[in-house]
Amino acid sequence: MSFAMNSDYTIKRIGNKGDYRLIGLEKVESLDVFLNEVDEATRLWIEDLKVLAMTSQPKQSPGDYIRFKCEIDTDHPIRPTQVLLFYGKKVKSLALAVERVLSLPDVGQDRSVEFLGLAGGTSKSLIFLPAQLEKLLTVHATRLYMFTCFDLSPQQAIVLAKHNLEGVRFCSVSDKGKALVKYLEQNNDERTLGAYLHPFDNAWNNIVMFLSRSPYPVFEELFFDPCHDTNAGCNAQIVQANVKSIAITLSRATSSCSERWHAHGSQTWRML
């Protein structure tokens, strides 16, 4: 692939190292076409934004670049998982490149995209501005997004609560969930969100206390791990949490108290 022109975008070879330059990202027909183009090239340089895209981890990462990793179609029954790595020197350009790529037309109606923080990038902060996050979560109505191991701002947490809180895993939020709780109290309109998988580690206490006084079920299910959540005063409020069901992760250390947890509250209980 020394030179290719498709529709209104162009791909040209850079030197002899398997590097290619993409001009006209917004003209690429679809996400699948972009993934195929990146897969064929060793490294695809998105000229418009000065960001590098790859589908496999290089032996040596480009120096002085911020890395952002996502996995597409993880655990899909038919389509294979595709890794997509972005490298950029400026967070603003990097975020814009990821946003534009994932906003391309997509024929995959059941597509899933997982963003990986410390597990796959060089920065634990989620790089998107709240407006960019909002766009990503709404541009493809049937797409599922997951966010793993990020430090979230209060504004990012609120955007995720509006659309995709059940897709947040092992994240923290800088204000310990105070703005998120305020949003849920004032703006949720009795909408039941998905499962609360203990996403905001440092916000757990505030979330549980809010659930204990909420007049309506906020989550379909609350996942609770007694070994991880050790605040006795906070955990005592779990039986009062207004959720439709509670799932407890049991180990030998916690199995002896399962009947005590099961005996209180009006929710449906499920032992894991």
C-alpha atoms as a PDB file:
ATOM      1  CA  MET A   1       0.000   0.000   0.000  1.00  0.00           C
ATOM      2  CA  SER A   2       2.357   2.709  -1.243  1.00  0.00           C
ATOM      3  CA  PHE A   3      -0.472   5.018  -2.315  1.00  0.00           C
ATOM      4  CA  ALA A   4      -4.235   4.739  -2.089  1.00  0.00           C
ATOM      5  CA  MET A   5      -7.061   7.144  -2.787  1.00  0.00           C
ATOM      6  CA  ASN A   6     -10.540   6.123  -1.692  1.00  0.00           C
ATOM      7  CA  SER A   7     -13.531   8.481  -1.860  1.00  0.00           C
ATOM      8  CA  ASP A   8     -11.999  11.784  -0.779  1.00  0.00           C
ATOM      9  CA  TYR A   9      -9.300  10.566   1.598  1.00  0.00           C
ATOM     10  CA  THR A  10      -5.731   9.719   0.701  1.00  0.00           C
ATOM     11  CA  ILE A  11      -3.128   7.352   2.180  1.00  0.00           C
ATOM     12  CA  LYS A  12       0.545   7.771   1.288  1.00  0.00           C
ATOM     13  CA  ARG A  13       3.666   5.882   2.351  1.00  0.00           C
ATOM     14  CA  ILE A  14       6.132   7.721   4.597  1.00  0.00           C
ATOM     15  CA  GLY A  15       9.697   6.515   3.994  1.00  0.00           C
ATOM     16  CA  ASN A  16      10.407   2.776   4.020  1.00  0.00           C
ATOM     17  CA  LYS A  17       9.440   1.777   7.565  1.00  0.00           C
ATOM     18  CA  GLY A  18       5.838   0.767   6.910  1.00  0.00           C
ATOM     19  CA  ASP A  19       4.493   4.135   8.035  1.00  0.00           C
ATOM     20  CA  TYR A  20       1.578   5.724   6.183  1.00  0.00           C
ATOM     21  CA  ARG A  21      -0.095   9.115   6.222  1.00  0.00           C
ATOM     22  CA  LEU A  22      -3.886   9.518   6.146  1.00  0.00           C
ATOM     23  CA  ILE A  23      -5.239  12.781   4.776  1.00  0.00           C
ATOM     24  CA  GLY A  24      -8.972  13.450   5.075  1.00  0.00           C
ATOM     25  CA  LEU A  25     -10.052  11.393   8.097  1.00  0.00           C
ATOM     26  CA  GLU A  26     -13.577  12.833   7.987  1.00  0.00           C
ATOM     27  CA  LYS A  27     -13.997  11.388   4.461  1.00  0.00           C
ATOM     28  CA  VAL A  28     -13.392   7.761   5.500  1.00  0.00           C
ATOM     29  CA  GLU A  29     -16.606   5.841   4.772  1.00  0.00           C
ATOM     30  CA  SER A  30     -16.934   3.914   8.027  1.00  0.00           C
ATOM     31  CA  LEU A  31     -15.240   2.705  11.193  1.00  0.00           C
ATOM     32  CA  ASP A  32     -14.652  -0.709   9.625  1.00  0.00           C
ATOM     33  CA  VAL A  33     -12.880   0.893   6.655  1.00  0.00           C
ATOM     34  CA  PHE A  34     -10.667   2.884   9.035  1.00  0.00           C
ATOM     35  CA  LEU A  35      -9.813  -0.251  11.040  1.00  0.00           C
ATOM     36  CA  ASN A  36      -8.886  -2.090   7.847  1.00  0.00           C
ATOM     37  CA  GLU A  37      -6.672   0.770   6.711  1.00  0.00           C
ATOM     38  CA  VAL A  38      -4.862   0.903  10.069  1.00  0.00           C
ATOM     39  CA  ASP A  39      -4.492  -2.872  10.098  1.00  0.00           C
ATOM     40  CA  GLU A  40      -2.832  -2.869   6.681  1.00  0.00           C
ATOM     41  CA  ALA A  41      -0.376  -0.182   7.726  1.00  0.00           C
ATOM     42  CA  THR A  42       2.183  -0.715  10.470  1.00  0.00           C
ATOM     43  CA  ARG A  43       1.593   2.829  11.685  1.00  0.00           C
ATOM     44  CA  LEU A  44      -1.046   5.181  10.275  1.00  0.00           C
ATOM     45  CA  TRP A  45      -0.347   8.870  10.839  1.00  0.00           C
ATOM     46  CA  ILE A  46      -3.563  10.930  10.935  1.00  0.00           C
ATOM     47  CA  GLU A  47      -2.181  14.009   9.254  1.00  0.00           C
ATOM     48  CA  ASP A  48      -5.071  16.328  10.142  1.00  0.00           C
ATOM     49  CA  LEU A  49      -4.483  15.941  13.897  1.00  0.00           C
ATOM     50  CA  LYS A  50      -0.857  14.742  14.178  1.00  0.00           C
ATOM     51  CA  VAL A  51      -1.923  11.521  15.882  1.00  0.00           C
ATOM     52  CA  LEU A  52      -0.632   8.001  15.234  1.00  0.00           C
ATOM     53  CA  ALA A  53      -2.995   5.001  15.046  1.00  0.00           C
ATOM     54  CA  MET A  54      -2.078   1.293  15.294  1.00  0.00           C
ATOM     55  CA  THR A  55      -3.896  -1.995  15.763  1.00  0.00           C
ATOM     56  CA  SER A  56      -1.085  -3.812  17.572  1.00  0.00           C
ATOM     57  CA  GLN A  57       1.275  -2.925  20.388  1.00  0.00           C
ATOM     58  CA  PRO A  58       4.692  -1.900  18.986  1.00  0.00           C
ATOM     59  CA  LYS A  59       7.841  -3.435  20.463  1.00  0.00           C
ATOM     60  CA  GLN A  60       8.934   0.067  21.395  1.00  0.00           C
ATOM     61  CA  SER A  61       6.352   2.782  22.020  1.00  0.00           C
ATOM     62  CA  PRO A  62       6.938   6.164  20.383  1.00  0.00           C
ATOM     63  CA  GLY A  63       8.777   8.397  22.821  1.00  0.00           C
ATOM     64  CA  ASP A  64       7.164  11.475  24.396  1.00  0.00           C
ATOM     65  CA  TYR A  65       3.703  10.417  23.223  1.00  0.00           C
ATOM     66  CA  ILE A  66       0.535   9.927  25.247  1.00  0.00           C
ATOM     67  CA  ARG A  67      -1.057   6.561  24.551  1.00  0.00           C
ATOM     68  CA  PHE A  68      -4.787   5.900  24.549  1.00  0.00           C
ATOM     69  CA  LYS A  69      -6.102   2.379  24.082  1.00  0.00           C
ATOM     70  CA  CYS A  70      -9.501   0.983  23.232  1.00  0.00           C
ATOM     71  CA  GLU A  71     -10.749  -2.498  22.432  1.00  0.00           C
ATOM     72  CA  ILE A  72     -13.583  -2.930  19.963  1.00  0.00           C
ATOM     73  CA  ASP A  73     -16.068  -5.824  20.049  1.00  0.00           C
ATOM     74  CA  THR A  74     -14.665  -7.443  23.179  1.00  0.00           C
ATOM     75  CA  ASP A  75     -16.347 -10.826  23.751  1.00  0.00           C
ATOM     76  CA  HIS A  76     -18.510 -10.468  20.641  1.00  0.00           C
ATOM     77  CA  PRO A  77     -19.926 -13.880  19.616  1.00  0.00           C
ATOM     78  CA  ILE A  78     -19.005 -13.400  15.946  1.00  0.00           C
ATOM     79  CA  ARG A  79     -16.636 -10.486  15.385  1.00  0.00           C
ATOM     80  CA  PRO A  80     -13.062 -10.737  16.737  1.00  0.00           C
ATOM     81  CA  THR A  81     -11.799  -8.223  19.269  1.00  0.00           C
ATOM     82  CA  GLN A  82      -9.857  -5.407  17.622  1.00  0.00           C
ATOM     83  CA  VAL A  83      -7.297  -3.342  19.506  1.00  0.00           C
ATOM     84  CA  LEU A  84      -6.923   0.294  18.513  1.00  0.00           C
ATOM     85  CA  LEU A  85      -4.049   2.360  19.885  1.00  0.00           C
ATOM     86  CA  PHE A  86      -3.693   6.117  19.508  1.00  0.00           C
ATOM     87  CA  TYR A  87      -0.516   8.108  20.179  1.00  0.00           C
ATOM     88  CA  GLY A  88      -0.386  11.885  20.369  1.00  0.00           C
ATOM     89  CA  LYS A  89       1.748  14.587  21.965  1.00  0.00           C
ATOM     90  CA  LYS A  90      -1.208  16.813  22.888  1.00  0.00           C
ATOM     91  CA  VAL A  91      -4.227  15.602  24.847  1.00  0.00           C
ATOM     92  CA  LYS A  92      -6.576  17.891  22.899  1.00  0.00           C
ATOM     93  CA  SER A  93      -5.541  16.482  19.507  1.00  0.00           C
ATOM     94  CA  LEU A  94      -5.524  12.923  20.841  1.00  0.00           C
ATOM     95  CA  ALA A  95      -9.060  13.228  22.210  1.00  0.00           C
ATOM     96  CA  LEU A  96     -10.303  14.810  18.985  1.00  0.00           C
ATOM     97  CA  ALA A  97      -8.774  12.023  16.898  1.00  0.00           C
ATOM     98  CA  VAL A  98     -10.418   9.289  18.990  1.00  0.00           C
ATOM     99  CA  GLU A  99     -13.746  11.140  18.923  1.00  0.00           C
ATOM    100  CA  ARG A 100     -13.679  11.578  15.130  1.00  0.00           C
ATOM    101  CA  VAL A 101     -12.671   7.975  14.450  1.00  0.00           C
ATOM    102  CA  LEU A 102     -15.384   6.538  16.689  1.00  0.00           C
ATOM    103  CA  SER A 103     -17.949   8.954  15.234  1.00  0.00           C
ATOM    104  CA  LEU A 104     -17.430   7.573  11.723  1.00  0.00           C
ATOM    105  CA  PRO A 105     -20.472   5.787  10.235  1.00  0.00           C
ATOM    106  CA  ASP A 106     -20.796   2.258  11.585  1.00  0.00           C
ATOM    107  CA  VAL A 107     -22.739  -0.702  10.202  1.00  0.00           C
ATOM    108  CA  GLY A 108     -22.142  -2.747  13.369  1.00  0.00           C
ATOM    109  CA  GLN A 109     -25.427  -2.352  15.243  1.00  0.00           C
ATOM    110  CA  ASP A 110     -24.242  -4.208  18.359  1.00  0.00           C
ATOM    111  CA  ARG A 111     -20.737  -2.761  18.550  1.00  0.00           C
ATOM    112  CA  SER A 112     -18.987  -2.410  21.909  1.00  0.00           C
ATOM    113  CA  VAL A 113     -16.002  -0.170  22.681  1.00  0.00           C
ATOM    114  CA  GLU A 114     -13.967  -0.366  25.872  1.00  0.00           C
ATOM    115  CA  PHE A 115     -11.605   2.449  26.831  1.00  0.00           C
ATOM    116  CA  LEU A 116      -8.685   1.312  29.001  1.00  0.00           C
ATOM    117  CA  GLY A 117      -7.037   3.724  31.444  1.00  0.00           C
ATOM    118  CA  LEU A 118      -3.991   2.586  33.389  1.00  0.00           C
ATOM    119  CA  ALA A 119      -4.580  -0.922  32.037  1.00  0.00           C
ATOM    120  CA  GLY A 120      -3.754   0.232  28.527  1.00  0.00           C
ATOM    121  CA  GLY A 121      -2.670   3.868  28.398  1.00  0.00           C
ATOM    122  CA  THR A 122      -0.021   6.146  29.799  1.00  0.00           C
ATOM    123  CA  SER A 123      -2.516   8.460  31.502  1.00  0.00           C
ATOM    124  CA  LYS A 124      -5.260   7.483  33.930  1.00  0.00           C
ATOM    125  CA  SER A 125      -7.270  10.615  33.207  1.00  0.00           C
ATOM    126  CA  LEU A 126     -10.098  10.226  30.706  1.00  0.00           C
ATOM    127  CA  ILE A 127      -9.017  12.522  27.879  1.00  0.00           C
ATOM    128  CA  PHE A 128     -12.434  13.650  26.635  1.00  0.00           C
ATOM    129  CA  LEU A 129     -14.108  16.931  27.477  1.00  0.00           C
ATOM    130  CA  PRO A 130     -17.696  16.454  28.751  1.00  0.00           C
ATOM    131  CA  ALA A 131     -19.084  17.636  25.381  1.00  0.00           C
ATOM    132  CA  GLN A 132     -16.927  15.097  23.508  1.00  0.00           C
ATOM    133  CA  LEU A 133     -18.021  12.355  25.881  1.00  0.00           C
ATOM    134  CA  GLU A 134     -21.654  13.322  25.323  1.00  0.00           C
ATOM    135  CA  LYS A 135     -21.186  13.097  21.564  1.00  0.00           C
ATOM    136  CA  LEU A 136     -19.525   9.685  21.729  1.00  0.00           C
ATOM    137  CA  LEU A 137     -22.334   8.289  23.854  1.00  0.00           C
ATOM    138  CA  THR A 138     -25.072   9.549  21.555  1.00  0.00           C
ATOM    139  CA  VAL A 139     -23.757   9.455  17.985  1.00  0.00           C
ATOM    140  CA  HIS A 140     -24.387   5.685  17.659  1.00  0.00           C
ATOM    141  CA  ALA A 141     -27.519   4.790  19.594  1.00  0.00           C
ATOM    142  CA  THR A 142     -26.925   1.022  19.789  1.00  0.00           C
ATOM    143  CA  ARG A 143     -23.225   1.124  20.712  1.00  0.00           C
ATOM    144  CA  LEU A 144     -22.115   0.070  24.202  1.00  0.00           C
ATOM    145  CA  TYR A 145     -19.221   1.938  25.808  1.00  0.00           C
ATOM    146  CA  MET A 146     -17.173   0.752  28.777  1.00  0.00           C
ATOM    147  CA  PHE A 147     -14.672   2.796  30.799  1.00  0.00           C
ATOM    148  CA  THR A 148     -12.061   0.928  32.862  1.00  0.00           C
ATOM    149  CA  CYS A 149      -9.517   2.325  35.339  1.00  0.00           C
ATOM    150  CA  PHE A 150      -9.885   6.082  34.882  1.00  0.00           C
ATOM    151  CA  ASP A 151      -9.853   9.121  37.150  1.00  0.00           C
ATOM    152  CA  LEU A 152     -13.005  10.999  36.204  1.00  0.00           C
ATOM    153  CA  SER A 153     -13.895  14.633  36.722  1.00  0.00           C
ATOM    154  CA  PRO A 154     -17.264  15.405  38.372  1.00  0.00           C
ATOM    155  CA  GLN A 155     -18.554  16.630  34.993  1.00  0.00           C
ATOM    156  CA  GLN A 156     -17.510  13.412  33.228  1.00  0.00           C
ATOM    157  CA  ALA A 157     -19.205  11.345  35.947  1.00  0.00           C
ATOM    158  CA  ILE A 158     -22.462  13.241  35.422  1.00  0.00           C
ATOM    159  CA  VAL A 159     -22.358  12.687  31.648  1.00  0.00           C
ATOM    160  CA  LEU A 160     -21.838   8.960  32.239  1.00  0.00           C
ATOM    161  CA  ALA A 161     -24.744   8.915  34.708  1.00  0.00           C
ATOM    162  CA  LYS A 162     -26.981  10.383  32.011  1.00  0.00           C
ATOM    163  CA  HIS A 163     -26.115   7.718  29.492  1.00  0.00           C
ATOM    164  CA  ASN A 164     -23.840   4.889  30.494  1.00  0.00           C
ATOM    165  CA  LEU A 165     -23.112   4.568  34.215  1.00  0.00           C
ATOM    166  CA  GLU A 166     -23.405   0.779  34.027  1.00  0.00           C
ATOM    167  CA  GLY A 167     -20.386   0.723  31.681  1.00  0.00           C
ATOM    168  CA  VAL A 168     -18.005   2.301  34.217  1.00  0.00           C
ATOM    169  CA  ARG A 169     -15.612  -0.073  35.961  1.00  0.00           C
ATOM    170  CA  PHE A 170     -12.841   0.489  38.521  1.00  0.00           C
ATOM    171  CA  CYS A 171     -12.873   4.255  38.115  1.00  0.00           C
ATOM    172  CA  SER A 172     -12.632   7.025  40.679  1.00  0.00           C
ATOM    173  CA  VAL A 173     -14.130  10.506  40.655  1.00  0.00           C
ATOM    174  CA  SER A 174     -12.210  13.483  41.971  1.00  0.00           C
ATOM    175  CA  ASP A 175     -14.880  14.920  44.281  1.00  0.00           C
ATOM    176  CA  LYS A 176     -15.846  11.525  45.781  1.00  0.00           C
ATOM    177  CA  GLY A 177     -19.154  11.544  43.959  1.00  0.00           C
ATOM    178  CA  LYS A 178     -20.647  14.682  45.496  1.00  0.00           C
ATOM    179  CA  ALA A 179     -21.619  16.292  42.183  1.00  0.00           C
ATOM    180  CA  LEU A 180     -22.878  12.943  40.881  1.00  0.00           C
ATOM    181  CA  VAL A 181     -25.132  12.453  43.910  1.00  0.00           C
ATOM    182  CA  LYS A 182     -26.480  15.998  43.554  1.00  0.00           C
ATOM    183  CA  TYR A 183     -27.249  15.338  39.889  1.00  0.00           C
ATOM    184  CA  LEU A 184     -29.045  12.076  40.662  1.00  0.00           C
ATOM    185  CA  GLU A 185     -31.094  13.773  43.364  1.00  0.00           C
ATOM    186  CA  GLN A 186     -32.164  16.678  41.170  1.00  0.00           C
ATOM    187  CA  ASN A 187     -32.255  15.439  37.593  1.00  0.00           C
ATOM    188  CA  ASN A 188     -32.742  11.703  37.339  1.00  0.00           C
ATOM    189  CA  ASP A 189     -36.551  11.913  36.981  1.00  0.00           C
ATOM    190  CA  GLU A 190     -36.978   8.502  38.591  1.00  0.00           C
ATOM    191  CA  ARG A 191     -35.097   6.837  35.724  1.00  0.00           C
ATOM    192  CA  THR A 192     -33.579   3.535  36.799  1.00  0.00           C
ATOM    193  CA  LEU A 193     -29.977   3.151  35.668  1.00  0.00           C
ATOM    194  CA  GLY A 194     -28.238  -0.165  35.019  1.00  0.00           C
ATOM    195  CA  ALA A 195     -26.172  -2.172  37.469  1.00  0.00           C
ATOM    196  CA  TYR A 196     -23.932  -0.219  39.858  1.00  0.00           C
ATOM    197  CA  LEU A 197     -20.706  -2.211  39.644  1.00  0.00           C
ATOM    198  CA  HIS A 198     -18.929  -0.196  42.330  1.00  0.00           C
ATOM    199  CA  PRO A 199     -17.415   1.964  39.574  1.00  0.00           C
ATOM    200  CA  PHE A 200     -16.314   5.046  41.499  1.00  0.00           C
ATOM    201  CA  ASP A 201     -14.024   3.588  44.159  1.00  0.00           C
ATOM    202  CA  ASN A 202     -13.668   6.706  46.270  1.00  0.00           C
ATOM    203  CA  ALA A 203     -17.355   7.647  45.848  1.00  0.00           C
ATOM    204  CA  TRP A 204     -18.798   4.402  47.291  1.00  0.00           C
ATOM    205  CA  ASN A 205     -19.718   5.871  50.688  1.00  0.00           C
ATOM    206  CA  ASN A 206     -21.505   8.879  49.217  1.00  0.00           C
ATOM    207  CA  ILE A 207     -23.352   6.732  46.666  1.00  0.00           C
ATOM    208  CA  VAL A 208     -24.557   4.214  49.273  1.00  0.00           C
ATOM    209  CA  MET A 209     -25.720   6.938  51.630  1.00  0.00           C
ATOM    210  CA  PHE A 210     -27.651   8.526  48.762  1.00  0.00           C
ATOM    211  CA  LEU A 211     -29.258   5.202  47.836  1.00  0.00           C
ATOM    212  CA  SER A 212     -30.399   4.724  51.426  1.00  0.00           C
ATOM    213  CA  ARG A 213     -32.470   7.927  51.274  1.00  0.00           C
ATOM    214  CA  SER A 214     -33.578   7.831  47.630  1.00  0.00           C
ATOM    215  CA  PRO A 215     -37.392   7.656  47.206  1.00  0.00           C
ATOM    216  CA  TYR A 216     -37.148   5.476  44.065  1.00  0.00           C
ATOM    217  CA  PRO A 217     -34.897   2.636  42.813  1.00  0.00           C
ATOM    218  CA  VAL A 218     -31.905   4.313  41.208  1.00  0.00           C
ATOM    219  CA  PHE A 219     -30.157   1.155  39.977  1.00  0.00           C
ATOM    220  CA  GLU A 220     -31.377  -2.191  38.728  1.00  0.00           C
ATOM    221  CA  GLU A 221     -28.748  -3.907  40.832  1.00  0.00           C
ATOM    222  CA  LEU A 222     -26.089  -2.984  43.386  1.00  0.00           C
ATOM    223  CA  PHE A 223     -22.944  -5.125  43.463  1.00  0.00           C
ATOM    224  CA  PHE A 224     -21.318  -5.379  46.886  1.00  0.00           C
ATOM    225  CA  ASP A 225     -18.011  -6.985  47.843  1.00  0.00           C
ATOM    226  CA  PRO A 226     -17.627  -7.194  51.664  1.00  0.00           C
ATOM    227  CA  CYS A 227     -13.895  -7.880  51.327  1.00  0.00           C
ATOM    228  CA  HIS A 228     -13.366  -4.694  49.312  1.00  0.00           C
ATOM    229  CA  ASP A 229     -15.838  -2.396  51.055  1.00  0.00           C
ATOM    230  CA  THR A 230     -14.838  -2.381  54.711  1.00  0.00           C
ATOM    231  CA  ASN A 231     -16.529   0.765  56.038  1.00  0.00           C
ATOM    232  CA  ALA A 232     -18.900  -0.800  58.581  1.00  0.00           C
ATOM    233  CA  GLY A 233     -20.984   2.343  59.091  1.00  0.00           C
ATOM    234  CA  CYS A 234     -21.502   2.791  55.372  1.00  0.00           C
ATOM    235  CA  ASN A 235     -22.104  -0.873  54.670  1.00  0.00           C
ATOM    236  CA  ALA A 236     -24.836  -0.966  57.311  1.00  0.00           C
ATOM    237  CA  GLN A 237     -26.800   1.351  55.001  1.00  0.00           C
ATOM    238  CA  ILE A 238     -26.691  -1.114  52.107  1.00  0.00           C
ATOM    239  CA  VAL A 239     -29.761  -2.986  53.354  1.00  0.00           C
ATOM    240  CA  GLN A 240     -31.651   0.330  53.104  1.00  0.00           C
ATOM    241  CA  ALA A 241     -30.431   1.081  49.568  1.00  0.00           C
ATOM    242  CA  ASN A 242     -33.289   1.747  47.162  1.00  0.00           C
ATOM    243  CA  VAL A 243     -32.286  -0.556  44.319  1.00  0.00           C
ATOM    244  CA  LYS A 244     -34.195  -3.409  42.704  1.00  0.00           C
ATOM    245  CA  SER A 245     -31.697  -6.082  43.689  1.00  0.00           C
ATOM    246  CA  ILE A 246     -28.372  -6.503  45.487  1.00  0.00           C
ATOM    247  CA  ALA A 247     -25.637  -8.959  44.528  1.00  0.00           C
ATOM    248  CA  ILE A 248     -22.982  -9.933  47.065  1.00  0.00           C
ATOM    249  CA  THR A 249     -19.638 -11.454  46.140  1.00  0.00           C
ATOM    250  CA  LEU A 250     -18.994 -14.207  48.673  1.00  0.00           C
ATOM    251  CA  SER A 251     -15.772 -15.850  49.789  1.00  0.00           C
ATOM    252  CA  ARG A 252     -15.016 -18.155  52.707  1.00  0.00           C
ATOM    253  CA  ALA A 253     -14.488 -15.077  54.849  1.00  0.00           C
ATOM    254  CA  THR A 254     -17.942 -13.699  54.035  1.00  0.00           C
ATOM    255  CA  SER A 255     -20.103 -16.806  53.585  1.00  0.00           C
ATOM    256  CA  SER A 256     -20.829 -17.073  57.313  1.00  0.00           C
ATOM    257  CA  CYS A 257     -22.567 -13.697  57.313  1.00  0.00           C
ATOM    258  CA  SER A 258     -24.593 -14.190  54.120  1.00  0.00           C
ATOM    259  CA  GLU A 259     -27.759 -15.073  56.035  1.00  0.00           C
ATOM    260  CA  ARG A 260     -27.455 -11.911  58.106  1.00  0.00           C
ATOM    261  CA  TRP A 261     -27.224  -9.784  54.943  1.00  0.00           C
ATOM    262  CA  HIS A 262     -30.078 -11.683  53.339  1.00  0.00           C
ATOM    263  CA  ALA A 263     -32.395 -11.226  56.286  1.00  0.00           C
ATOM    264  CA  HIS A 264     -32.710  -7.432  56.031  1.00  0.00           C
ATOM    265  CA  GLY A 265     -34.124  -5.046  53.456  1.00  0.00           C
ATOM    266  CA  SER A 266     -36.850  -5.399  50.829  1.00  0.00           C
ATOM    267  CA  GLN A 267     -34.658  -5.925  47.770  1.00  0.00           C
ATOM    268  CA  THR A 268     -34.042  -9.117  45.832  1.00  0.00           C
ATOM    269  CA  TRP A 269     -30.689 -10.561  46.951  1.00  0.00           C
ATOM    270  CA  ARG A 270     -28.336 -12.561  44.763  1.00  0.00           C
ATOM    271  CA  MET A 271     -25.156 -14.284  45.986  1.00  0.00           C
ATOM    272  CA  LEU A 272     -22.193 -14.472  43.618  1.00  0.00           C
END
